[in-house]
Structures are given as C-alpha cells and as structure tokens.
Amino acid sequence: MADPAVRTAMTFSRHVTHETRDRLLALVEAEKAAGSVDAWVALDWSFREPEPAAVFVARPNPVRLPVA
C-alpha cells in the first residue's frame, strides 16, 4: 500500500472523485487510529509556510522598570 502522505496528497487532486477522496482519507484515518505515525503526520501535520502577518517580529520590551 502507498505511503499515507501520498494518499493524502492525492485527495487534493482535481482528478480524484469525491468517493475516491473519501475512501483514501478513510484508509489513512484507519491507519492513524491503529497508531501509525506516518498517517498522523499525513493528516495532522501542517507543511504550510506561516502567513506573513503571523511571523513573529522581535520588538523591544515595552515594559518600563522602576529606576532604583
């Protein structure tokens, strides 16, 4: 059987029918339920780059400490 990541990626293809998409995702979900780390990564891991607005920008600390 193919790699769960490949099956999950195939579900995003425009050439896959809704029935095939559901069947592929059900197979990977079953593998995840059985404890497959590869299936967990294929379904739950996000490989997207962060949105530019979500990127952390380091700023000086705005808290002013009392001078002793």
Protein backbone atom coordinates (compact mmCIF):
# COMPACT_ATOMS: atom_id res chain seq x y z
CA MET A 1 0.00 0.00 0.00
CA ALA A 2 1.20 3.54 -0.75
CA ASP A 3 2.62 5.98 1.75
CA PRO A 4 -0.14 7.74 3.77
CA ALA A 5 1.31 11.13 2.78
CA VAL A 6 0.97 10.19 -0.90
CA ARG A 7 -2.63 9.05 -0.43
CA THR A 8 -3.47 12.22 1.47
CA ALA A 9 -1.82 14.38 -1.21
CA MET A 10 -3.82 12.54 -3.88
CA THR A 11 -7.07 13.66 -2.26
CA PHE A 12 -6.25 17.24 -3.31
CA SER A 13 -6.01 16.29 -6.98
CA ARG A 14 -8.76 17.56 -9.24
CA HIS A 15 -8.72 14.17 -10.98
CA VAL A 16 -9.97 12.33 -7.89
CA THR A 17 -13.70 11.82 -7.40
CA HIS A 18 -15.41 12.60 -4.10
CA GLU A 19 -15.91 8.87 -3.46
CA THR A 20 -12.23 8.12 -4.05
CA ARG A 21 -11.21 11.08 -1.87
CA ASP A 22 -13.40 9.80 0.97
CA ARG A 23 -12.06 6.26 0.57
CA LEU A 24 -8.41 7.42 0.61
CA LEU A 25 -8.94 9.58 3.68
CA ALA A 26 -10.79 6.75 5.44
CA LEU A 27 -7.83 4.43 4.83
CA VAL A 28 -5.39 6.94 6.29
CA GLU A 29 -7.73 7.65 9.24
CA ALA A 30 -7.86 3.90 9.96
CA GLU A 31 -4.07 3.72 9.91
CA LYS A 32 -3.90 6.71 12.26
CA ALA A 33 -6.35 5.02 14.64
CA ALA A 34 -4.13 1.93 14.55
CA GLY A 35 -1.19 4.05 15.75
CA SER A 36 0.63 4.87 12.53
CA VAL A 37 2.87 7.90 13.00
CA ASP A 38 3.12 8.30 9.21
CA ALA A 39 -0.68 8.52 8.97
CA TRP A 40 -0.80 11.03 11.83
CA VAL A 41 1.77 13.22 10.08
CA ALA A 42 -0.08 12.92 6.76
CA LEU A 43 -3.36 14.06 8.32
CA ASP A 44 -2.41 16.44 11.10
CA TRP A 45 0.96 17.99 10.33
CA SER A 46 0.88 21.37 8.60
CA PHE A 47 3.51 21.92 5.96
CA ARG A 48 2.27 25.41 5.07
CA GLU A 49 4.52 28.38 5.50
CA PRO A 50 3.28 30.86 8.10
CA GLU A 51 1.32 33.83 6.83
CA PRO A 52 3.46 36.98 6.69
CA ALA A 53 1.27 38.63 9.34
CA ALA A 54 1.81 35.66 11.65
CA VAL A 55 5.59 35.83 11.55
CA PHE A 56 6.97 36.88 14.92
CA VAL A 57 8.82 40.17 14.84
CA ALA A 58 11.12 40.81 17.77
CA ARG A 59 10.37 44.16 19.38
CA PRO A 60 11.97 45.92 22.32
CA ASN A 61 10.31 45.19 25.63
CA PRO A 62 7.72 47.95 26.23
CA VAL A 63 7.67 47.35 29.98
CA ARG A 64 9.45 50.10 31.91
CA LEU A 65 11.12 49.00 35.09
CA PRO A 66 11.30 51.42 38.01
CA VAL A 67 14.68 53.05 38.49
CA ALA A 68 16.14 52.31 41.91
